[in-house]
Amino acid sequence: MTILGQKIPFLVIVLLGVLMSAVVLVVIASSTKGARLLELEEEVGALERENRELTSKLVSNTSLLLVEEKSQELGMIKPENVVYLETQEQIAKLP
């Protein structure tokens, strides 16, 4: 009985050692994933800020007033006569 009594505590100690090692590995893996998650969240924030800035620039650069000013700088003028084509009339007809 002493032999069995000595093997059981040894197996329990080995099993506890394996379980503690597994817990340490899980904690390390989760902390690594947490750090990566933080990096990705910061990157998302930076991209959202850049997107807002670019959207603001797009809105300001496509305003009608700015387009009119740019066209005048390029020497464009408003047409005197505007010709509209009717969509019902066919340009090229087959004989």
C-alpha atoms as a PDB file:
ATOM      1  CA  MET A   1       0.000   0.000   0.000  1.00  0.00           C
ATOM      2  CA  THR A   2       2.875   2.368   0.479  1.00  0.00           C
ATOM      3  CA  ILE A   3       3.843   2.023  -3.172  1.00  0.00           C
ATOM      4  CA  LEU A   4       0.334   3.015  -4.323  1.00  0.00           C
ATOM      5  CA  GLY A   5       0.288   5.792  -1.745  1.00  0.00           C
ATOM      6  CA  GLN A   6       3.499   7.240  -3.140  1.00  0.00           C
ATOM      7  CA  LYS A   7       2.409   7.048  -6.789  1.00  0.00           C
ATOM      8  CA  ILE A   8      -0.872   8.919  -6.306  1.00  0.00           C
ATOM      9  CA  PRO A   9       0.665  12.119  -4.875  1.00  0.00           C
ATOM     10  CA  PHE A  10       3.330  12.056  -7.605  1.00  0.00           C
ATOM     11  CA  LEU A  11       0.654  11.755 -10.330  1.00  0.00           C
ATOM     12  CA  VAL A  12      -1.369  14.536  -8.740  1.00  0.00           C
ATOM     13  CA  ILE A  13       1.698  16.804  -8.660  1.00  0.00           C
ATOM     14  CA  VAL A  14       2.496  16.025 -12.319  1.00  0.00           C
ATOM     15  CA  LEU A  15      -1.130  16.610 -13.324  1.00  0.00           C
ATOM     16  CA  LEU A  16      -1.227  19.923 -11.445  1.00  0.00           C
ATOM     17  CA  GLY A  17       2.040  20.954 -13.116  1.00  0.00           C
ATOM     18  CA  VAL A  18       0.623  20.200 -16.565  1.00  0.00           C
ATOM     19  CA  LEU A  19      -2.592  22.092 -15.803  1.00  0.00           C
ATOM     20  CA  MET A  20      -0.691  25.108 -14.469  1.00  0.00           C
ATOM     21  CA  SER A  21       1.486  25.130 -17.595  1.00  0.00           C
ATOM     22  CA  ALA A  22      -1.640  25.036 -19.738  1.00  0.00           C
ATOM     23  CA  VAL A  23      -3.136  27.959 -17.798  1.00  0.00           C
ATOM     24  CA  VAL A  24       0.065  29.977 -18.240  1.00  0.00           C
ATOM     25  CA  LEU A  25       0.032  29.293 -21.996  1.00  0.00           C
ATOM     26  CA  VAL A  26      -3.615  30.361 -22.271  1.00  0.00           C
ATOM     27  CA  VAL A  27      -2.918  33.577 -20.348  1.00  0.00           C
ATOM     28  CA  ILE A  28       0.059  34.391 -22.575  1.00  0.00           C
ATOM     29  CA  ALA A  29      -1.976  33.712 -25.720  1.00  0.00           C
ATOM     30  CA  SER A  30      -4.881  35.864 -24.546  1.00  0.00           C
ATOM     31  CA  SER A  31      -2.617  38.753 -23.586  1.00  0.00           C
ATOM     32  CA  THR A  32      -0.966  38.585 -27.002  1.00  0.00           C
ATOM     33  CA  LYS A  33      -4.373  38.645 -28.682  1.00  0.00           C
ATOM     34  CA  GLY A  34      -5.401  41.569 -26.473  1.00  0.00           C
ATOM     35  CA  ALA A  35      -2.348  43.568 -27.539  1.00  0.00           C
ATOM     36  CA  ARG A  36      -3.083  42.832 -31.194  1.00  0.00           C
ATOM     37  CA  LEU A  37      -6.705  43.851 -30.692  1.00  0.00           C
ATOM     38  CA  LEU A  38      -5.578  47.167 -29.215  1.00  0.00           C
ATOM     39  CA  GLU A  39      -3.313  47.794 -32.217  1.00  0.00           C
ATOM     40  CA  LEU A  40      -6.169  47.065 -34.610  1.00  0.00           C
ATOM     41  CA  GLU A  41      -8.559  49.344 -32.718  1.00  0.00           C
ATOM     42  CA  GLU A  42      -6.013  52.179 -32.909  1.00  0.00           C
ATOM     43  CA  GLU A  43      -5.608  51.540 -36.634  1.00  0.00           C
ATOM     44  CA  VAL A  44      -9.390  51.623 -37.104  1.00  0.00           C
ATOM     45  CA  GLY A  45      -9.538  54.955 -35.255  1.00  0.00           C
ATOM     46  CA  ALA A  46      -6.790  56.410 -37.447  1.00  0.00           C
ATOM     47  CA  LEU A  47      -8.520  55.216 -40.619  1.00  0.00           C
ATOM     48  CA  GLU A  48     -11.861  56.646 -39.481  1.00  0.00           C
ATOM     49  CA  ARG A  49     -10.210  60.033 -38.826  1.00  0.00           C
ATOM     50  CA  GLU A  50      -8.553  59.938 -42.247  1.00  0.00           C
ATOM     51  CA  ASN A  51     -11.873  59.006 -43.849  1.00  0.00           C
ATOM     52  CA  ARG A  52     -13.613  61.970 -42.195  1.00  0.00           C
ATOM     53  CA  GLU A  53     -10.838  64.324 -43.365  1.00  0.00           C
ATOM     54  CA  LEU A  54     -10.990  63.008 -46.931  1.00  0.00           C
ATOM     55  CA  THR A  55     -14.780  63.231 -46.980  1.00  0.00           C
ATOM     56  CA  SER A  56     -14.564  66.825 -45.793  1.00  0.00           C
ATOM     57  CA  LYS A  57     -12.014  67.640 -48.511  1.00  0.00           C
ATOM     58  CA  LEU A  58     -14.201  65.952 -51.123  1.00  0.00           C
ATOM     59  CA  VAL A  59     -17.243  67.955 -50.089  1.00  0.00           C
ATOM     60  CA  SER A  60     -15.360  71.243 -50.097  1.00  0.00           C
ATOM     61  CA  ASN A  61     -13.575  70.546 -53.402  1.00  0.00           C
ATOM     62  CA  THR A  62     -16.782  69.600 -55.211  1.00  0.00           C
ATOM     63  CA  SER A  63     -18.886  72.532 -54.049  1.00  0.00           C
ATOM     64  CA  LEU A  64     -20.519  74.394 -56.912  1.00  0.00           C
ATOM     65  CA  LEU A  65     -18.946  77.691 -55.903  1.00  0.00           C
ATOM     66  CA  LEU A  66     -15.440  76.206 -56.006  1.00  0.00           C
ATOM     67  CA  VAL A  67     -16.140  74.480 -59.329  1.00  0.00           C
ATOM     68  CA  GLU A  68     -17.320  77.789 -60.785  1.00  0.00           C
ATOM     69  CA  GLU A  69     -14.193  79.579 -59.515  1.00  0.00           C
ATOM     70  CA  LYS A  70     -11.928  76.890 -60.981  1.00  0.00           C
ATOM     71  CA  SER A  71     -13.715  77.033 -64.321  1.00  0.00           C
ATOM     72  CA  GLN A  72     -13.225  80.800 -64.470  1.00  0.00           C
ATOM     73  CA  GLU A  73      -9.528  80.364 -63.623  1.00  0.00           C
ATOM     74  CA  LEU A  74      -9.241  77.951 -66.542  1.00  0.00           C
ATOM     75  CA  GLY A  75     -10.866  80.451 -68.898  1.00  0.00           C
ATOM     76  CA  MET A  76     -14.172  78.683 -69.263  1.00  0.00           C
ATOM     77  CA  ILE A  77     -17.248  80.785 -69.912  1.00  0.00           C
ATOM     78  CA  LYS A  78     -20.974  80.178 -69.677  1.00  0.00           C
ATOM     79  CA  PRO A  79     -22.502  79.256 -73.042  1.00  0.00           C
ATOM     80  CA  GLU A  80     -24.776  81.777 -74.721  1.00  0.00           C
ATOM     81  CA  ASN A  81     -27.039  79.214 -76.377  1.00  0.00           C
ATOM     82  CA  VAL A  82     -27.824  75.872 -74.870  1.00  0.00           C
ATOM     83  CA  VAL A  83     -29.013  73.134 -77.210  1.00  0.00           C
ATOM     84  CA  TYR A  84     -30.958  70.219 -75.779  1.00  0.00           C
ATOM     85  CA  LEU A  85     -31.386  66.984 -77.671  1.00  0.00           C
ATOM     86  CA  GLU A  86     -34.647  65.135 -77.440  1.00  0.00           C
ATOM     87  CA  THR A  87     -34.270  61.569 -76.332  1.00  0.00           C
ATOM     88  CA  GLN A  88     -37.195  60.363 -78.470  1.00  0.00           C
ATOM     89  CA  GLU A  89     -35.565  61.411 -81.715  1.00  0.00           C
ATOM     90  CA  GLN A  90     -33.127  58.837 -83.087  1.00  0.00           C
ATOM     91  CA  ILE A  91     -29.824  60.116 -84.381  1.00  0.00           C
ATOM     92  CA  ALA A  92     -28.964  57.264 -86.731  1.00  0.00           C
ATOM     93  CA  LYS A  93     -31.929  55.562 -88.403  1.00  0.00           C
ATOM     94  CA  LEU A  94     -31.864  52.471 -90.494  1.00  0.00           C
ATOM     95  CA  PRO A  95     -33.350  52.926 -94.004  1.00  0.00           C
END
